[in-house]
C-alpha atoms as a PDB file:
ATOM      1  CA  MET A   1      92.341 140.169  73.914  1.00  0.00           C
ATOM      2  CA  CYS A   2      92.265 141.737  77.369  1.00  0.00           C
ATOM      3  CA  GLY A   3      96.058 141.964  77.409  1.00  0.00           C
ATOM      4  CA  PHE A   4      96.018 143.775  74.061  1.00  0.00           C
ATOM      5  CA  ALA A   5      93.460 146.284  75.397  1.00  0.00           C
ATOM      6  CA  VAL A   6      95.572 146.965  78.500  1.00  0.00           C
ATOM      7  CA  VAL A   7      98.696 147.531  76.388  1.00  0.00           C
ATOM      8  CA  GLN A   8      96.826 149.880  74.066  1.00  0.00           C
ATOM      9  CA  LEU A   9      95.296 151.921  76.903  1.00  0.00           C
ATOM     10  CA  ALA A  10      98.605 152.218  78.760  1.00  0.00           C
ATOM     11  CA  GLY A  11     100.794 152.645  75.663  1.00  0.00           C
ATOM     12  CA  ASP A  12     102.067 155.717  73.846  1.00  0.00           C
ATOM     13  CA  ASN A  13      98.642 156.513  72.393  1.00  0.00           C
ATOM     14  CA  GLY A  14      96.645 155.491  75.442  1.00  0.00           C
ATOM     15  CA  ILE A  15      95.232 157.251  78.464  1.00  0.00           C
ATOM     16  CA  PRO A  16      98.489 158.998  79.535  1.00  0.00           C
ATOM     17  CA  ALA A  17      98.797 160.513  76.064  1.00  0.00           C
ATOM     18  CA  LEU A  18      95.168 161.628  76.189  1.00  0.00           C
ATOM     19  CA  LEU A  19      95.699 163.295  79.565  1.00  0.00           C
ATOM     20  CA  ALA A  20      98.851 165.014  78.324  1.00  0.00           C
ATOM     21  CA  LYS A  21      97.005 166.334  75.247  1.00  0.00           C
ATOM     22  CA  ARG A  22      94.161 167.640  77.407  1.00  0.00           C
ATOM     23  CA  LYS A  23      96.660 169.447  79.622  1.00  0.00           C
ATOM     24  CA  GLN A  24      98.372 170.893  76.547  1.00  0.00           C
ATOM     25  CA  LEU A  25      94.992 172.019  75.201  1.00  0.00           C
ATOM     26  CA  ARG A  26      94.164 173.837  78.465  1.00  0.00           C
ATOM     27  CA  GLU A  27      97.550 175.592  78.409  1.00  0.00           C
ATOM     28  CA  LEU A  28      97.091 176.667  74.790  1.00  0.00           C
ATOM     29  CA  GLU A  29      93.576 177.929  75.506  1.00  0.00           C
ATOM     30  CA  GLU A  30      94.954 180.020  78.382  1.00  0.00           C
ATOM     31  CA  GLN A  31      97.706 181.428  76.151  1.00  0.00           C
ATOM     32  CA  ASN A  32      95.073 182.214  73.542  1.00  0.00           C
ATOM     33  CA  ARG A  33      92.951 184.042  76.135  1.00  0.00           C
ATOM     34  CA  VAL A  34      95.927 186.151  77.257  1.00  0.00           C
ATOM     35  CA  LEU A  35      96.827 186.981  73.651  1.00  0.00           C
ATOM     36  CA  GLU A  36      93.238 187.981  72.900  1.00  0.00           C
ATOM     37  CA  LEU A  37      93.241 190.363  75.875  1.00  0.00           C
ATOM     38  CA  GLY A  38      96.478 191.873  74.601  1.00  0.00           C
ATOM     39  CA  ASN A  39      94.969 192.208  71.126  1.00  0.00           C
ATOM     40  CA  GLN A  40      91.958 194.028  72.562  1.00  0.00           C
ATOM     41  CA  GLU A  41      94.242 196.490  74.355  1.00  0.00           C
ATOM     42  CA  LEU A  42      96.218 197.083  71.163  1.00  0.00           C
ATOM     43  CA  ARG A  43      93.010 197.634  69.172  1.00  0.00           C
ATOM     44  CA  LYS A  44      91.870 200.183  71.742  1.00  0.00           C
ATOM     45  CA  ALA A  45      95.220 201.996  71.618  1.00  0.00           C
ATOM     46  CA  ASN A  46      95.146 201.908  67.816  1.00  0.00           C
ATOM     47  CA  GLU A  47      91.688 203.498  67.763  1.00  0.00           C
ATOM     48  CA  GLY A  48      92.978 206.244  70.065  1.00  0.00           C
ATOM     49  CA  LEU A  49      95.890 206.885  67.726  1.00  0.00           C
ATOM     50  CA  LYS A  50      93.539 207.059  64.736  1.00  0.00           C
ATOM     51  CA  SER A  51      90.990 209.427  66.205  1.00  0.00           C
ATOM     52  CA  ASN A  52      92.450 211.419  69.117  1.00  0.00           C
ATOM     53  CA  PRO A  53      94.963 214.177  68.259  1.00  0.00           C
ATOM     54  CA  ASP A  54      96.159 214.407  71.864  1.00  0.00           C
ATOM     55  CA  VAL A  55      97.017 210.705  71.908  1.00  0.00           C
ATOM     56  CA  GLN A  56      98.790 211.103  68.556  1.00  0.00           C
ATOM     57  CA  LYS A  57     100.888 214.019  69.838  1.00  0.00           C
ATOM     58  CA  ARG A  58     101.829 212.178  73.018  1.00  0.00           C
ATOM     59  CA  ALA A  59     102.842 209.052  71.091  1.00  0.00           C
ATOM     60  CA  VAL A  60     105.050 211.058  68.728  1.00  0.00           C
ATOM     61  CA  ARG A  61     106.658 212.989  71.579  1.00  0.00           C
ATOM     62  CA  GLU A  62     107.351 209.807  73.538  1.00  0.00           C
ATOM     63  CA  SER A  63     108.793 207.929  70.589  1.00  0.00           C
ATOM     64  CA  LEU A  64     111.034 210.824  69.526  1.00  0.00           C
ATOM     65  CA  GLY A  65     111.881 212.038  73.029  1.00  0.00           C
ATOM     66  CA  PHE A  66     110.482 215.566  72.608  1.00  0.00           C
ATOM     67  CA  LEU A  67     108.911 217.669  75.331  1.00  0.00           C
ATOM     68  CA  SER A  68     105.910 219.979  75.229  1.00  0.00           C
ATOM     69  CA  ASP A  69     106.056 223.532  76.507  1.00  0.00           C
ATOM     70  CA  GLY A  70     106.204 223.489  80.288  1.00  0.00           C
ATOM     71  CA  GLU A  71     107.286 219.854  80.583  1.00  0.00           C
ATOM     72  CA  GLU A  72     110.434 218.933  82.448  1.00  0.00           C
ATOM     73  CA  VAL A  73     112.312 215.649  82.581  1.00  0.00           C
ATOM     74  CA  PHE A  74     114.196 214.491  85.631  1.00  0.00           C
ATOM     75  CA  HIS A  75     116.652 211.661  85.067  1.00  0.00           C
ATOM     76  CA  THR A  76     117.373 209.207  87.838  1.00  0.00           C
ATOM     77  CA  ASP A  77     119.858 206.366  88.033  1.00  0.00           C
ATOM     78  CA  GLY A  78     117.182 203.999  86.706  1.00  0.00           C
ATOM     79  CA  ASP A  79     116.607 205.963  83.483  1.00  0.00           C
ATOM     80  CA  SER A  80     117.652 204.336  80.263  1.00  0.00           C
ATOM     81  CA  GLY A  81     119.775 207.324  79.256  1.00  0.00           C
ATOM     82  CA  LYS A  82     117.608 207.963  76.201  1.00  0.00           C
ATOM     83  CA  PRO A  83     118.325 211.463  74.850  1.00  0.00           C
ATOM     84  CA  VAL A  84     115.554 213.987  75.292  1.00  0.00           C
ATOM     85  CA  ALA A  85     115.090 217.016  73.035  1.00  0.00           C
ATOM     86  CA  THR A  86     113.358 220.226  74.023  1.00  0.00           C
ATOM     87  CA  PRO A  87     110.906 222.009  71.736  1.00  0.00           C
ATOM     88  CA  GLU A  88     112.958 225.216  71.992  1.00  0.00           C
ATOM     89  CA  ASP A  89     116.270 223.962  70.663  1.00  0.00           C
ATOM     90  CA  GLY A  90     115.278 220.594  69.181  1.00  0.00           C
ATOM     91  CA  ALA A  91     118.619 219.178  70.316  1.00  0.00           C
ATOM     92  CA  ALA A  92     119.082 216.154  72.491  1.00  0.00           C
ATOM     93  CA  ARG A  93     120.200 216.653  76.063  1.00  0.00           C
END
């Protein structure tokens, strides 16, 4: 009987498996926490897009590559090369 208990505790479903599952649970809880923080940030940004016209304008300009009056863009070697259009001509540079 004692030998059976030792085999069961040390086997595939024994204590090592329990410890591995606990470790996996901690890792998944941490991933869940990080995802929840990201979700909170996205909710906050979404609320800004819904209610703040300035945030809406900036998001549209950034996604389309347009500039506001008085804005200038300086490209460096690290830039992605994304075309940028000016409000005056609407064409990409």
